[in-house]
């Protein structure tokens, strides 16, 4: 999978007992540990955060039909959550083992 802004991947057991779709932002060099990392936000279909301040201003809606894998009426990129970071080598290992799977790329201009 190409790791670039807009890619959506499915991540089995991202958080203990919780599979998630993730929205990749790309890679960067992490200065404190001097290694390449992947930056991403989680995607959720929970609508409760869309009506609560301040989280509602920090959620990007993805309408059903934008990507086949997202089958809720609306899913949200949760920008209000902490930016997630995974070392690139670990990300690639998880991809090879089937823990992380490419699902599509969101259209952008």
C-alpha atoms as a PDB file:
ATOM      1  CA  UNK A   1       0.000   0.000   0.000  1.00  0.00           C
ATOM      2  CA  UNK A   2       1.157   3.507  -0.673  1.00  0.00           C
ATOM      3  CA  UNK A   3       1.354   5.503   2.520  1.00  0.00           C
ATOM      4  CA  UNK A   4       0.094   8.958   1.661  1.00  0.00           C
ATOM      5  CA  UNK A   5      -2.556  11.450   2.679  1.00  0.00           C
ATOM      6  CA  UNK A   6      -6.064  10.198   1.991  1.00  0.00           C
ATOM      7  CA  UNK A   7      -5.446   6.456   2.194  1.00  0.00           C
ATOM      8  CA  UNK A   8      -7.942   4.525   4.334  1.00  0.00           C
ATOM      9  CA  UNK A   9      -6.894   1.229   5.889  1.00  0.00           C
ATOM     10  CA  UNK A  10      -8.554  -1.320   8.154  1.00  0.00           C
ATOM     11  CA  UNK A  11      -6.523  -2.091  11.288  1.00  0.00           C
ATOM     12  CA  UNK A  12      -7.432  -5.206  13.267  1.00  0.00           C
ATOM     13  CA  UNK A  13      -7.165  -4.713  17.029  1.00  0.00           C
ATOM     14  CA  UNK A  14      -5.766  -1.178  16.777  1.00  0.00           C
ATOM     15  CA  UNK A  15      -6.876  -0.659  20.355  1.00  0.00           C
ATOM     16  CA  UNK A  16      -7.310  -3.773  22.525  1.00  0.00           C
ATOM     17  CA  UNK A  17     -10.510  -5.462  21.357  1.00  0.00           C
ATOM     18  CA  UNK A  18     -11.303  -2.730  18.830  1.00  0.00           C
ATOM     19  CA  UNK A  19     -10.840  -2.915  15.067  1.00  0.00           C
ATOM     20  CA  UNK A  20     -10.746   0.486  13.348  1.00  0.00           C
ATOM     21  CA  UNK A  21     -10.561   2.157   9.996  1.00  0.00           C
ATOM     22  CA  UNK A  22      -7.785   4.730   9.895  1.00  0.00           C
ATOM     23  CA  UNK A  23      -7.131   7.778   7.725  1.00  0.00           C
ATOM     24  CA  UNK A  24      -3.452   8.087   6.846  1.00  0.00           C
ATOM     25  CA  UNK A  25      -1.782  11.487   6.753  1.00  0.00           C
ATOM     26  CA  UNK A  26       1.564  10.236   5.475  1.00  0.00           C
ATOM     27  CA  UNK A  27       5.027   9.621   6.849  1.00  0.00           C
ATOM     28  CA  UNK A  28       7.460  11.849   8.679  1.00  0.00           C
ATOM     29  CA  UNK A  29      10.783  11.603  10.454  1.00  0.00           C
ATOM     30  CA  UNK A  30      10.202  11.465  14.220  1.00  0.00           C
ATOM     31  CA  UNK A  31      12.995  13.583  15.717  1.00  0.00           C
ATOM     32  CA  UNK A  32      13.069  12.149  19.245  1.00  0.00           C
ATOM     33  CA  UNK A  33      13.663   8.569  18.125  1.00  0.00           C
ATOM     34  CA  UNK A  34      15.102   9.406  14.674  1.00  0.00           C
ATOM     35  CA  UNK A  35      12.935   6.992  12.720  1.00  0.00           C
ATOM     36  CA  UNK A  36      10.298   7.208   9.995  1.00  0.00           C
ATOM     37  CA  UNK A  37       6.736   6.995  11.279  1.00  0.00           C
ATOM     38  CA  UNK A  38       3.198   6.859   9.857  1.00  0.00           C
ATOM     39  CA  UNK A  39       0.725   9.463  11.132  1.00  0.00           C
ATOM     40  CA  UNK A  40      -3.015   8.762  11.130  1.00  0.00           C
ATOM     41  CA  UNK A  41      -6.396   9.546  12.653  1.00  0.00           C
ATOM     42  CA  UNK A  42      -9.074   6.994  13.480  1.00  0.00           C
ATOM     43  CA  UNK A  43     -12.397   6.850  11.643  1.00  0.00           C
ATOM     44  CA  UNK A  44     -15.632   6.220  13.533  1.00  0.00           C
ATOM     45  CA  UNK A  45     -19.323   5.949  12.744  1.00  0.00           C
ATOM     46  CA  UNK A  46     -20.305   7.097  16.251  1.00  0.00           C
ATOM     47  CA  UNK A  47     -22.493  10.154  15.816  1.00  0.00           C
ATOM     48  CA  UNK A  48     -22.546  11.203  19.488  1.00  0.00           C
ATOM     49  CA  UNK A  49     -19.351  13.246  19.080  1.00  0.00           C
ATOM     50  CA  UNK A  50     -20.812  15.149  16.122  1.00  0.00           C
ATOM     51  CA  UNK A  51     -23.199  17.064  18.370  1.00  0.00           C
ATOM     52  CA  UNK A  52     -20.842  17.849  21.266  1.00  0.00           C
ATOM     53  CA  UNK A  53     -18.613  20.910  21.477  1.00  0.00           C
ATOM     54  CA  UNK A  54     -15.727  21.128  20.860  1.00  0.00           C
ATOM     55  CA  UNK A  55     -15.391  17.719  19.158  1.00  0.00           C
ATOM     56  CA  UNK A  56     -17.983  18.387  16.452  1.00  0.00           C
ATOM     57  CA  UNK A  57     -15.769  21.085  14.926  1.00  0.00           C
ATOM     58  CA  UNK A  58     -12.905  18.618  14.681  1.00  0.00           C
ATOM     59  CA  UNK A  59     -14.656  15.811  12.828  1.00  0.00           C
ATOM     60  CA  UNK A  60     -14.561  15.419   9.071  1.00  0.00           C
ATOM     61  CA  UNK A  61     -17.663  13.651   7.713  1.00  0.00           C
ATOM     62  CA  UNK A  62     -17.362  10.903   5.101  1.00  0.00           C
ATOM     63  CA  UNK A  63     -20.706  10.152   3.471  1.00  0.00           C
ATOM     64  CA  UNK A  64     -21.850   6.626   2.694  1.00  0.00           C
ATOM     65  CA  UNK A  65     -20.806   5.671  -0.816  1.00  0.00           C
ATOM     66  CA  UNK A  66     -17.551   7.626  -0.721  1.00  0.00           C
ATOM     67  CA  UNK A  67     -15.701   4.369   0.010  1.00  0.00           C
ATOM     68  CA  UNK A  68     -17.350   0.955  -0.256  1.00  0.00           C
ATOM     69  CA  UNK A  69     -15.889  -0.200   3.057  1.00  0.00           C
ATOM     70  CA  UNK A  70     -17.587   2.574   5.062  1.00  0.00           C
ATOM     71  CA  UNK A  71     -21.205   1.460   5.141  1.00  0.00           C
ATOM     72  CA  UNK A  72     -22.659   3.735   7.849  1.00  0.00           C
ATOM     73  CA  UNK A  73     -24.747   6.695   6.680  1.00  0.00           C
ATOM     74  CA  UNK A  74     -21.887   8.941   7.857  1.00  0.00           C
ATOM     75  CA  UNK A  75     -18.450   8.099   9.191  1.00  0.00           C
ATOM     76  CA  UNK A  76     -16.097  10.649  10.703  1.00  0.00           C
ATOM     77  CA  UNK A  77     -12.363  11.230  10.676  1.00  0.00           C
ATOM     78  CA  UNK A  78     -11.792  12.003  14.330  1.00  0.00           C
ATOM     79  CA  UNK A  79      -9.314  14.879  14.211  1.00  0.00           C
ATOM     80  CA  UNK A  80     -10.045  15.714  17.852  1.00  0.00           C
ATOM     81  CA  UNK A  81      -8.477  12.475  18.999  1.00  0.00           C
ATOM     82  CA  UNK A  82      -4.768  12.391  19.551  1.00  0.00           C
ATOM     83  CA  UNK A  83      -2.807  12.035  16.358  1.00  0.00           C
ATOM     84  CA  UNK A  84      -1.735   8.390  16.202  1.00  0.00           C
ATOM     85  CA  UNK A  85       1.814   7.480  15.249  1.00  0.00           C
ATOM     86  CA  UNK A  86       3.251   4.087  14.292  1.00  0.00           C
ATOM     87  CA  UNK A  87       6.878   3.420  13.340  1.00  0.00           C
ATOM     88  CA  UNK A  88       7.037   2.743   9.608  1.00  0.00           C
ATOM     89  CA  UNK A  89       8.770  -0.642  10.032  1.00  0.00           C
ATOM     90  CA  UNK A  90       6.100  -1.818  12.485  1.00  0.00           C
ATOM     91  CA  UNK A  91       3.337  -0.549  10.165  1.00  0.00           C
ATOM     92  CA  UNK A  92       4.806  -2.497   7.233  1.00  0.00           C
ATOM     93  CA  UNK A  93       5.173  -5.662   9.371  1.00  0.00           C
ATOM     94  CA  UNK A  94       1.503  -5.410  10.366  1.00  0.00           C
ATOM     95  CA  UNK A  95       0.534  -4.851   6.749  1.00  0.00           C
ATOM     96  CA  UNK A  96       2.465  -7.950   5.613  1.00  0.00           C
ATOM     97  CA  UNK A  97       0.830 -10.069   8.322  1.00  0.00           C
ATOM     98  CA  UNK A  98      -2.698  -8.895   7.394  1.00  0.00           C
ATOM     99  CA  UNK A  99      -3.328  -6.823  10.526  1.00  0.00           C
ATOM    100  CA  UNK A 100      -3.462  -3.629   8.421  1.00  0.00           C
ATOM    101  CA  UNK A 101      -5.256  -3.786   5.054  1.00  0.00           C
ATOM    102  CA  UNK A 102      -5.686  -1.134   2.358  1.00  0.00           C
ATOM    103  CA  UNK A 103      -9.338  -0.250   1.752  1.00  0.00           C
ATOM    104  CA  UNK A 104      -9.250   2.767  -0.529  1.00  0.00           C
ATOM    105  CA  UNK A 105      -8.294   6.377  -0.994  1.00  0.00           C
ATOM    106  CA  UNK A 106     -10.586   9.290  -0.266  1.00  0.00           C
ATOM    107  CA  UNK A 107     -11.015  11.633  -3.215  1.00  0.00           C
ATOM    108  CA  UNK A 108      -9.468  15.052  -2.697  1.00  0.00           C
ATOM    109  CA  UNK A 109      -8.695  18.072  -4.781  1.00  0.00           C
END
